[in-house]
Amino acid sequence: MACNELHNGYRAKFLTIVYWIAATYVLADVYSAQLTSQFARPAREPPINTLQRLQAAMIHDGYRLYVEKESSSLEMLENGTELFRQLYALMRQQVINDPQGFFIDSVEAGIKLIAEGGEDKAVLGGRETLFFNVQQYGSNNFQLSQKLYTRYSAVAVQIGCPFLGSLNNVLMQLFESGILDKMTAAEYAKQYQEVEATRIYKGSVQAKNSEAYSRTESYDSTVISPLNLRMLQGAFIALGVGSLAAGVILLLEIVFIKLDQARLWMLCSRLQWIRYDRKV
């Protein structure tokens, strides 16, 4: 006796090859997506949070630094030493044709200039001023966070005050001992805690409001967002096409085998009738 094995034909081998190709494509797509997510450039660049990074950005990345006219920051750059002098020299080199090109009317104008985009820009200003500007314009346009000036940097006294020399000596001793830095750091920490507490309170209020609003809605009106599978869309399309082709081939193979069996049965029946007629 003889029989036809479905797994032994070239159609079954073709079906197996299609499945292997589809599975390999899916795995390759998944691995390539993972490698892309690991080695891709991050969406946000690292912030320029020190004067050294600002100097490197001006030298290598072409950042342009702006400063407010007749401000304490401009005096610091003009009369400063070391890093401040280097920054001032870089600012003047960037605007050789226009010596007043790096001046802005106010810090707000500089922030608007940065928000407009275009070339890479940075604005140098006092920390106390920038703190309120951050609240007004958002923190996404601010990067420089090194301490430049504090509220304890200067004390105003009357001209000709008899204890001016003693006051200067006390201030210098406080500065050299690090007490002024500790007071400034504590003040900034307090401001940050107040802002953080306000943000947490607003977030809790919004969460309570959204929760109360969601309770009033019925479960039938809840919108469920579908899962985004665009990353593997091509793999699933190839897998679906391969499965469809394999199914069609398998169906055709079964039909052909049944036809062959029917023909074989008819041939056997004819042979039996012929033998029966010969015997009769």
C-alpha atoms as a PDB file:
ATOM      1  CA  MET A   1       0.000   0.000   0.000  1.00  0.00           C
ATOM      2  CA  ALA A   2       1.099   3.591  -0.692  1.00  0.00           C
ATOM      3  CA  CYS A   3      -0.077   6.926   0.634  1.00  0.00           C
ATOM      4  CA  ASN A   4       0.722  10.620   0.059  1.00  0.00           C
ATOM      5  CA  GLU A   5       2.420  12.430   2.951  1.00  0.00           C
ATOM      6  CA  LEU A   6       1.484  16.097   3.249  1.00  0.00           C
ATOM      7  CA  HIS A   7       4.753  17.072   4.891  1.00  0.00           C
ATOM      8  CA  ASN A   8       6.889  15.442   2.243  1.00  0.00           C
ATOM      9  CA  GLY A   9       5.970  17.586  -0.763  1.00  0.00           C
ATOM     10  CA  TYR A  10       7.514  20.774  -2.064  1.00  0.00           C
ATOM     11  CA  ARG A  11       4.375  22.706  -1.118  1.00  0.00           C
ATOM     12  CA  ALA A  12       4.814  21.837   2.545  1.00  0.00           C
ATOM     13  CA  LYS A  13       8.470  22.821   2.332  1.00  0.00           C
ATOM     14  CA  PHE A  14       7.482  26.136   0.803  1.00  0.00           C
ATOM     15  CA  LEU A  15       4.997  26.667   3.639  1.00  0.00           C
ATOM     16  CA  THR A  16       7.731  25.995   6.210  1.00  0.00           C
ATOM     17  CA  ILE A  17      10.086  28.440   4.480  1.00  0.00           C
ATOM     18  CA  VAL A  18       7.412  31.148   4.491  1.00  0.00           C
ATOM     19  CA  TYR A  19       6.853  30.694   8.215  1.00  0.00           C
ATOM     20  CA  TRP A  20      10.587  30.844   8.923  1.00  0.00           C
ATOM     21  CA  ILE A  21      10.993  34.027   6.863  1.00  0.00           C
ATOM     22  CA  ALA A  22       8.065  35.699   8.637  1.00  0.00           C
ATOM     23  CA  ALA A  23       9.361  34.750  12.094  1.00  0.00           C
ATOM     24  CA  THR A  24      12.882  35.934  11.223  1.00  0.00           C
ATOM     25  CA  TYR A  25      11.544  39.256   9.958  1.00  0.00           C
ATOM     26  CA  VAL A  26       9.555  39.829  13.145  1.00  0.00           C
ATOM     27  CA  LEU A  27      12.556  39.079  15.374  1.00  0.00           C
ATOM     28  CA  ALA A  28      14.865  41.257  13.264  1.00  0.00           C
ATOM     29  CA  ASP A  29      12.387  44.143  13.414  1.00  0.00           C
ATOM     30  CA  VAL A  30      12.097  43.867  17.198  1.00  0.00           C
ATOM     31  CA  TYR A  31      15.879  43.766  17.704  1.00  0.00           C
ATOM     32  CA  SER A  32      16.459  46.681  15.339  1.00  0.00           C
ATOM     33  CA  ALA A  33      13.850  48.750  17.188  1.00  0.00           C
ATOM     34  CA  GLN A  34      15.523  48.003  20.515  1.00  0.00           C
ATOM     35  CA  LEU A  35      18.972  48.892  19.172  1.00  0.00           C
ATOM     36  CA  THR A  36      17.611  52.101  17.679  1.00  0.00           C
ATOM     37  CA  SER A  37      16.062  53.124  20.997  1.00  0.00           C
ATOM     38  CA  GLN A  38      19.313  52.402  22.842  1.00  0.00           C
ATOM     39  CA  PHE A  39      21.775  54.112  20.498  1.00  0.00           C
ATOM     40  CA  ALA A  40      19.608  56.967  19.234  1.00  0.00           C
ATOM     41  CA  ARG A  41      20.369  60.537  20.235  1.00  0.00           C
ATOM     42  CA  PRO A  42      18.325  61.673  23.247  1.00  0.00           C
ATOM     43  CA  ALA A  43      15.449  64.019  22.579  1.00  0.00           C
ATOM     44  CA  ARG A  44      16.832  66.738  24.863  1.00  0.00           C
ATOM     45  CA  GLU A  45      20.359  68.046  24.912  1.00  0.00           C
ATOM     46  CA  PRO A  46      22.179  68.323  28.249  1.00  0.00           C
ATOM     47  CA  PRO A  47      21.634  71.721  29.887  1.00  0.00           C
ATOM     48  CA  ILE A  48      24.295  74.423  30.074  1.00  0.00           C
ATOM     49  CA  ASN A  49      24.305  74.786  33.845  1.00  0.00           C
ATOM     50  CA  THR A  50      27.829  76.155  34.436  1.00  0.00           C
ATOM     51  CA  LEU A  51      29.925  78.962  33.022  1.00  0.00           C
ATOM     52  CA  GLN A  52      32.499  76.446  31.783  1.00  0.00           C
ATOM     53  CA  ARG A  53      29.846  74.686  29.707  1.00  0.00           C
ATOM     54  CA  LEU A  54      28.655  78.039  28.432  1.00  0.00           C
ATOM     55  CA  GLN A  55      32.172  78.871  27.284  1.00  0.00           C
ATOM     56  CA  ALA A  56      32.522  75.472  25.587  1.00  0.00           C
ATOM     57  CA  ALA A  57      29.151  75.931  23.876  1.00  0.00           C
ATOM     58  CA  MET A  58      30.205  79.352  22.576  1.00  0.00           C
ATOM     59  CA  ILE A  59      33.492  77.978  21.236  1.00  0.00           C
ATOM     60  CA  HIS A  60      32.400  74.648  19.763  1.00  0.00           C
ATOM     61  CA  ASP A  61      28.646  74.985  19.121  1.00  0.00           C
ATOM     62  CA  GLY A  62      28.484  78.624  18.082  1.00  0.00           C
ATOM     63  CA  TYR A  63      26.267  79.907  20.903  1.00  0.00           C
ATOM     64  CA  ARG A  64      25.811  83.686  21.053  1.00  0.00           C
ATOM     65  CA  LEU A  65      25.686  85.306  24.487  1.00  0.00           C
ATOM     66  CA  TYR A  66      23.558  88.406  25.145  1.00  0.00           C
ATOM     67  CA  VAL A  67      23.580  90.690  28.186  1.00  0.00           C
ATOM     68  CA  GLU A  68      21.373  93.554  29.347  1.00  0.00           C
ATOM     69  CA  LYS A  69      22.577  97.113  28.860  1.00  0.00           C
ATOM     70  CA  GLU A  70      23.949  98.907  31.931  1.00  0.00           C
ATOM     71  CA  SER A  71      23.366  95.882  34.133  1.00  0.00           C
ATOM     72  CA  SER A  72      25.444  94.358  36.890  1.00  0.00           C
ATOM     73  CA  SER A  73      26.052  91.326  34.673  1.00  0.00           C
ATOM     74  CA  LEU A  74      27.663  93.550  32.030  1.00  0.00           C
ATOM     75  CA  GLU A  75      29.880  95.177  34.659  1.00  0.00           C
ATOM     76  CA  MET A  76      30.887  91.753  35.886  1.00  0.00           C
ATOM     77  CA  LEU A  77      31.920  90.723  32.369  1.00  0.00           C
ATOM     78  CA  GLU A  78      33.792  93.955  31.665  1.00  0.00           C
ATOM     79  CA  ASN A  79      35.619  94.158  34.995  1.00  0.00           C
ATOM     80  CA  GLY A  80      35.847  90.471  35.842  1.00  0.00           C
ATOM     81  CA  THR A  81      38.822  88.187  35.604  1.00  0.00           C
ATOM     82  CA  GLU A  82      39.590  84.732  34.235  1.00  0.00           C
ATOM     83  CA  LEU A  83      36.393  83.098  32.965  1.00  0.00           C
ATOM     84  CA  PHE A  84      34.310  86.292  32.846  1.00  0.00           C
ATOM     85  CA  ARG A  85      36.985  88.050  30.808  1.00  0.00           C
ATOM     86  CA  GLN A  86      37.133  85.104  28.397  1.00  0.00           C
ATOM     87  CA  LEU A  87      33.357  85.149  27.980  1.00  0.00           C
ATOM     88  CA  TYR A  88      33.433  88.881  27.280  1.00  0.00           C
ATOM     89  CA  ALA A  89      36.164  88.383  24.676  1.00  0.00           C
ATOM     90  CA  LEU A  90      34.124  85.666  22.973  1.00  0.00           C
ATOM     91  CA  MET A  91      31.074  87.937  22.914  1.00  0.00           C
ATOM     92  CA  ARG A  92      33.069  90.707  21.223  1.00  0.00           C
ATOM     93  CA  GLN A  93      34.549  88.283  18.683  1.00  0.00           C
ATOM     94  CA  GLN A  94      31.097  87.113  17.618  1.00  0.00           C
ATOM     95  CA  VAL A  95      29.973  90.664  16.761  1.00  0.00           C
ATOM     96  CA  ILE A  96      33.096  92.269  15.304  1.00  0.00           C
ATOM     97  CA  ASN A  97      31.165  94.417  12.819  1.00  0.00           C
ATOM     98  CA  ASP A  98      28.654  95.599  15.439  1.00  0.00           C
ATOM     99  CA  PRO A  99      30.219  96.267  18.873  1.00  0.00           C
ATOM    100  CA  GLN A 100      26.742  96.727  20.375  1.00  0.00           C
ATOM    101  CA  GLY A 101      25.356  93.549  18.845  1.00  0.00           C
ATOM    102  CA  PHE A 102      25.324  91.513  22.042  1.00  0.00           C
ATOM    103  CA  PHE A 103      23.318  94.092  24.043  1.00  0.00           C
ATOM    104  CA  ILE A 104      19.615  93.670  24.787  1.00  0.00           C
ATOM    105  CA  ASP A 105      17.213  96.161  26.335  1.00  0.00           C
ATOM    106  CA  SER A 106      15.995  93.820  29.082  1.00  0.00           C
ATOM    107  CA  VAL A 107      16.113  90.221  30.214  1.00  0.00           C
ATOM    108  CA  GLU A 108      12.525  89.791  29.004  1.00  0.00           C
ATOM    109  CA  ALA A 109      13.605  90.838  25.502  1.00  0.00           C
ATOM    110  CA  GLY A 110      16.408  88.272  25.623  1.00  0.00           C
ATOM    111  CA  ILE A 111      14.003  85.534  26.678  1.00  0.00           C
ATOM    112  CA  LYS A 112      11.687  86.394  23.806  1.00  0.00           C
ATOM    113  CA  LEU A 113      14.714  86.337  21.485  1.00  0.00           C
ATOM    114  CA  ILE A 114      15.555  82.816  22.669  1.00  0.00           C
ATOM    115  CA  ALA A 115      11.946  81.657  22.384  1.00  0.00           C
ATOM    116  CA  GLU A 116      11.807  82.767  18.742  1.00  0.00           C
ATOM    117  CA  GLY A 117      14.361  80.065  17.867  1.00  0.00           C
ATOM    118  CA  GLY A 118      16.841  80.326  15.039  1.00  0.00           C
ATOM    119  CA  GLU A 119      20.503  80.266  16.029  1.00  0.00           C
ATOM    120  CA  ASP A 120      21.607  79.096  19.459  1.00  0.00           C
ATOM    121  CA  LYS A 121      21.425  81.929  21.977  1.00  0.00           C
ATOM    122  CA  ALA A 122      21.954  82.482  25.699  1.00  0.00           C
ATOM    123  CA  VAL A 123      21.159  85.404  27.996  1.00  0.00           C
ATOM    124  CA  LEU A 124      23.277  86.357  31.014  1.00  0.00           C
ATOM    125  CA  GLY A 125      21.360  87.896  33.908  1.00  0.00           C
ATOM    126  CA  GLY A 126      21.085  88.050  37.668  1.00  0.00           C
ATOM    127  CA  ARG A 127      19.770  84.939  39.387  1.00  0.00           C
ATOM    128  CA  GLU A 128      17.094  86.777  41.357  1.00  0.00           C
ATOM    129  CA  THR A 129      15.730  88.346  38.173  1.00  0.00           C
ATOM    130  CA  LEU A 130      15.813  85.073  36.289  1.00  0.00           C
ATOM    131  CA  PHE A 131      13.940  83.313  39.090  1.00  0.00           C
ATOM    132  CA  PHE A 132      10.823  85.383  38.450  1.00  0.00           C
ATOM    133  CA  ASN A 133      11.307  85.186  34.691  1.00  0.00           C
ATOM    134  CA  VAL A 134      11.335  81.393  34.955  1.00  0.00           C
ATOM    135  CA  GLN A 135       7.920  81.508  36.577  1.00  0.00           C
ATOM    136  CA  GLN A 136       6.613  83.877  33.905  1.00  0.00           C
ATOM    137  CA  TYR A 137       8.066  82.355  30.740  1.00  0.00           C
ATOM    138  CA  GLY A 138       8.615  78.730  31.776  1.00  0.00           C
ATOM    139  CA  SER A 139      11.787  76.874  32.655  1.00  0.00           C
ATOM    140  CA  ASN A 140      12.342  75.329  29.206  1.00  0.00           C
ATOM    141  CA  ASN A 141      14.192  78.445  27.965  1.00  0.00           C
ATOM    142  CA  PHE A 142      16.575  78.640  30.952  1.00  0.00           C
ATOM    143  CA  GLN A 143      19.758  76.617  31.282  1.00  0.00           C
ATOM    144  CA  LEU A 144      22.370  78.602  33.214  1.00  0.00           C
ATOM    145  CA  SER A 145      22.061  77.921  36.953  1.00  0.00           C
ATOM    146  CA  GLN A 146      25.430  78.901  38.427  1.00  0.00           C
ATOM    147  CA  LYS A 147      25.241  81.473  41.232  1.00  0.00           C
ATOM    148  CA  LEU A 148      26.205  84.920  39.942  1.00  0.00           C
ATOM    149  CA  TYR A 149      24.708  87.378  42.420  1.00  0.00           C
ATOM    150  CA  THR A 150      22.813  86.969  45.675  1.00  0.00           C
ATOM    151  CA  ARG A 151      20.804  89.288  47.860  1.00  0.00           C
ATOM    152  CA  TYR A 152      23.699  89.293  50.353  1.00  0.00           C
ATOM    153  CA  SER A 153      26.356  90.457  47.901  1.00  0.00           C
ATOM    154  CA  ALA A 154      26.059  94.163  48.765  1.00  0.00           C
ATOM    155  CA  VAL A 155      24.852  96.321  51.644  1.00  0.00           C
ATOM    156  CA  ALA A 156      23.906  99.988  51.143  1.00  0.00           C
ATOM    157  CA  VAL A 157      25.121 102.452  53.786  1.00  0.00           C
ATOM    158  CA  GLN A 158      25.271 106.211  53.993  1.00  0.00           C
ATOM    159  CA  ILE A 159      28.255 108.023  52.496  1.00  0.00           C
ATOM    160  CA  GLY A 160      30.797 108.793  55.168  1.00  0.00           C
ATOM    161  CA  CYS A 161      29.459 106.202  57.594  1.00  0.00           C
ATOM    162  CA  PRO A 162      31.975 105.821  60.468  1.00  0.00           C
ATOM    163  CA  PHE A 163      31.655 102.046  60.682  1.00  0.00           C
ATOM    164  CA  LEU A 164      31.949 101.405  56.913  1.00  0.00           C
ATOM    165  CA  GLY A 165      35.419  99.889  57.251  1.00  0.00           C
ATOM    166  CA  SER A 166      34.316  97.580  60.056  1.00  0.00           C
ATOM    167  CA  LEU A 167      31.273  96.535  58.040  1.00  0.00           C
ATOM    168  CA  ASN A 168      33.437  95.692  55.037  1.00  0.00           C
ATOM    169  CA  ASN A 169      35.748  93.616  57.210  1.00  0.00           C
ATOM    170  CA  VAL A 170      32.812  91.709  58.699  1.00  0.00           C
ATOM    171  CA  LEU A 171      31.345  91.043  55.259  1.00  0.00           C
ATOM    172  CA  MET A 172      34.676  89.800  53.945  1.00  0.00           C
ATOM    173  CA  GLN A 173      35.058  87.489  56.937  1.00  0.00           C
ATOM    174  CA  LEU A 174      31.549  86.139  56.413  1.00  0.00           C
ATOM    175  CA  PHE A 175      32.289  85.592  52.742  1.00  0.00           C
ATOM    176  CA  GLU A 176      35.630  83.876  53.351  1.00  0.00           C
ATOM    177  CA  SER A 177      34.160  81.605  56.023  1.00  0.00           C
ATOM    178  CA  GLY A 178      31.388  80.477  53.673  1.00  0.00           C
ATOM    179  CA  ILE A 179      28.515  81.772  55.791  1.00  0.00           C
ATOM    180  CA  LEU A 180      27.127  83.884  52.962  1.00  0.00           C
ATOM    181  CA  ASP A 181      27.136  80.874  50.653  1.00  0.00           C
ATOM    182  CA  LYS A 182      25.255  78.816  53.235  1.00  0.00           C
ATOM    183  CA  MET A 183      22.682  81.575  53.720  1.00  0.00           C
ATOM    184  CA  THR A 184      22.240  81.908  49.971  1.00  0.00           C
ATOM    185  CA  ALA A 185      21.936  78.154  49.455  1.00  0.00           C
ATOM    186  CA  ALA A 186      19.386  77.950  52.268  1.00  0.00           C
ATOM    187  CA  GLU A 187      17.390  80.794  50.730  1.00  0.00           C
ATOM    188  CA  TYR A 188      17.361  79.136  47.306  1.00  0.00           C
ATOM    189  CA  ALA A 189      16.392  75.810  48.877  1.00  0.00           C
ATOM    190  CA  LYS A 190      13.526  77.528  50.671  1.00  0.00           C
ATOM    191  CA  GLN A 191      12.334  79.126  47.427  1.00  0.00           C
ATOM    192  CA  TYR A 192      12.540  75.793  45.634  1.00  0.00           C
ATOM    193  CA  GLN A 193      10.551  74.088  48.395  1.00  0.00           C
ATOM    194  CA  GLU A 194       7.874  76.761  48.204  1.00  0.00           C
ATOM    195  CA  VAL A 195       7.601  76.400  44.436  1.00  0.00           C
ATOM    196  CA  GLU A 196       7.570  72.602  44.714  1.00  0.00           C
ATOM    197  CA  ALA A 197       4.888  72.699  47.422  1.00  0.00           C
ATOM    198  CA  THR A 198       2.766  74.999  45.273  1.00  0.00           C
ATOM    199  CA  ARG A 199       3.171  72.702  42.287  1.00  0.00           C
ATOM    200  CA  ILE A 200       2.263  69.612  44.341  1.00  0.00           C
ATOM    201  CA  TYR A 201      -0.790  71.379  45.773  1.00  0.00           C
ATOM    202  CA  LYS A 202      -1.969  72.408  42.306  1.00  0.00           C
ATOM    203  CA  GLY A 203      -1.383  68.871  41.048  1.00  0.00           C
ATOM    204  CA  SER A 204      -3.403  67.372  43.905  1.00  0.00           C
ATOM    205  CA  VAL A 205      -6.260  69.815  43.308  1.00  0.00           C
ATOM    206  CA  GLN A 206      -6.299  69.007  39.601  1.00  0.00           C
ATOM    207  CA  ALA A 207      -6.192  65.280  40.364  1.00  0.00           C
ATOM    208  CA  LYS A 208      -9.159  65.587  42.726  1.00  0.00           C
ATOM    209  CA  ASN A 209     -11.113  67.599  40.178  1.00  0.00           C
ATOM    210  CA  SER A 210     -10.390  65.110  37.407  1.00  0.00           C
ATOM    211  CA  GLU A 211     -11.320  62.197  39.678  1.00  0.00           C
ATOM    212  CA  ALA A 212     -14.609  63.836  40.623  1.00  0.00           C
ATOM    213  CA  TYR A 213     -15.331  64.523  36.969  1.00  0.00           C
ATOM    214  CA  SER A 214     -14.506  60.972  35.924  1.00  0.00           C
ATOM    215  CA  ARG A 215     -16.888  59.545  38.520  1.00  0.00           C
ATOM    216  CA  THR A 216     -19.800  61.385  36.954  1.00  0.00           C
ATOM    217  CA  GLU A 217     -19.184  59.776  33.585  1.00  0.00           C
ATOM    218  CA  SER A 218     -20.604  56.385  32.760  1.00  0.00           C
ATOM    219  CA  TYR A 219     -18.423  53.407  31.968  1.00  0.00           C
ATOM    220  CA  ASP A 220     -19.884  53.212  28.462  1.00  0.00           C
ATOM    221  CA  SER A 221     -18.489  56.628  27.550  1.00  0.00           C
ATOM    222  CA  THR A 222     -14.956  55.703  28.570  1.00  0.00           C
ATOM    223  CA  VAL A 223     -12.621  55.982  25.616  1.00  0.00           C
ATOM    224  CA  ILE A 224      -9.856  53.401  25.519  1.00  0.00           C
ATOM    225  CA  SER A 225      -6.894  54.439  23.418  1.00  0.00           C
ATOM    226  CA  PRO A 226      -5.575  51.615  21.206  1.00  0.00           C
ATOM    227  CA  LEU A 227      -2.033  50.355  21.488  1.00  0.00           C
ATOM    228  CA  ASN A 228       0.298  51.858  18.907  1.00  0.00           C
ATOM    229  CA  LEU A 229       1.984  49.093  16.905  1.00  0.00           C
ATOM    230  CA  ARG A 230       3.388  51.163  14.065  1.00  0.00           C
ATOM    231  CA  MET A 231       6.879  50.035  14.932  1.00  0.00           C
ATOM    232  CA  LEU A 232       5.996  46.415  14.086  1.00  0.00           C
ATOM    233  CA  GLN A 233       3.410  47.166  11.420  1.00  0.00           C
ATOM    234  CA  GLY A 234       5.588  45.972   8.567  1.00  0.00           C
ATOM    235  CA  ALA A 235       6.442  42.738  10.354  1.00  0.00           C
ATOM    236  CA  PHE A 236       2.797  41.918  11.005  1.00  0.00           C
ATOM    237  CA  ILE A 237       1.876  42.714   7.397  1.00  0.00           C
ATOM    238  CA  ALA A 238       4.582  40.363   6.137  1.00  0.00           C
ATOM    239  CA  LEU A 239       3.477  37.730   8.621  1.00  0.00           C
ATOM    240  CA  GLY A 240      -0.151  38.082   7.530  1.00  0.00           C
ATOM    241  CA  VAL A 241       0.712  37.862   3.829  1.00  0.00           C
ATOM    242  CA  GLY A 242       2.900  34.829   4.449  1.00  0.00           C
ATOM    243  CA  SER A 243       0.207  33.119   6.519  1.00  0.00           C
ATOM    244  CA  LEU A 244      -2.418  33.827   3.862  1.00  0.00           C
ATOM    245  CA  ALA A 245      -0.189  32.471   1.100  1.00  0.00           C
ATOM    246  CA  ALA A 246       0.644  29.412   3.168  1.00  0.00           C
ATOM    247  CA  GLY A 247      -3.038  28.790   3.884  1.00  0.00           C
ATOM    248  CA  VAL A 248      -3.949  29.081   0.206  1.00  0.00           C
ATOM    249  CA  ILE A 249      -1.151  26.701  -0.769  1.00  0.00           C
ATOM    250  CA  LEU A 250      -2.218  24.201   1.891  1.00  0.00           C
ATOM    251  CA  LEU A 251      -5.841  24.388   0.744  1.00  0.00           C
ATOM    252  CA  LEU A 252      -4.844  23.852  -2.886  1.00  0.00           C
ATOM    253  CA  GLU A 253      -2.673  20.921  -1.887  1.00  0.00           C
ATOM    254  CA  ILE A 254      -5.560  19.284   0.003  1.00  0.00           C
ATOM    255  CA  VAL A 255      -7.909  19.832  -2.954  1.00  0.00           C
ATOM    256  CA  PHE A 256      -5.418  18.345  -5.413  1.00  0.00           C
ATOM    257  CA  ILE A 257      -4.828  15.350  -3.156  1.00  0.00           C
ATOM    258  CA  LYS A 258      -8.577  14.737  -2.901  1.00  0.00           C
ATOM    259  CA  LEU A 259      -8.896  14.984  -6.667  1.00  0.00           C
ATOM    260  CA  ASP A 260      -6.040  12.534  -7.089  1.00  0.00           C
ATOM    261  CA  GLN A 261      -7.675  10.169  -4.610  1.00  0.00           C
ATOM    262  CA  ALA A 262     -11.012  10.464  -6.443  1.00  0.00           C
ATOM    263  CA  ARG A 263      -9.348   9.744  -9.774  1.00  0.00           C
ATOM    264  CA  LEU A 264      -7.497   6.818  -8.255  1.00  0.00           C
ATOM    265  CA  TRP A 265     -10.732   5.466  -6.778  1.00  0.00           C
ATOM    266  CA  MET A 266     -12.512   5.817 -10.134  1.00  0.00           C
ATOM    267  CA  LEU A 267      -9.620   4.097 -11.888  1.00  0.00           C
ATOM    268  CA  CYS A 268      -9.666   1.252  -9.370  1.00  0.00           C
ATOM    269  CA  SER A 269     -13.419   0.837  -9.760  1.00  0.00           C
ATOM    270  CA  ARG A 270     -13.078   0.731 -13.539  1.00  0.00           C
ATOM    271  CA  LEU A 271     -10.371  -1.901 -13.298  1.00  0.00           C
ATOM    272  CA  GLN A 272     -12.575  -3.949 -10.991  1.00  0.00           C
ATOM    273  CA  TRP A 273     -15.482  -3.747 -13.469  1.00  0.00           C
ATOM    274  CA  ILE A 274     -13.195  -4.721 -16.319  1.00  0.00           C
ATOM    275  CA  ARG A 275     -11.935  -7.730 -14.390  1.00  0.00           C
ATOM    276  CA  TYR A 276     -15.485  -8.671 -13.472  1.00  0.00           C
ATOM    277  CA  ASP A 277     -16.597  -8.450 -17.119  1.00  0.00           C
ATOM    278  CA  ARG A 278     -13.696 -10.624 -18.223  1.00  0.00           C
ATOM    279  CA  LYS A 279     -14.564 -13.256 -15.664  1.00  0.00           C
ATOM    280  CA  VAL A 280     -18.180 -13.240 -16.733  1.00  0.00           C
END
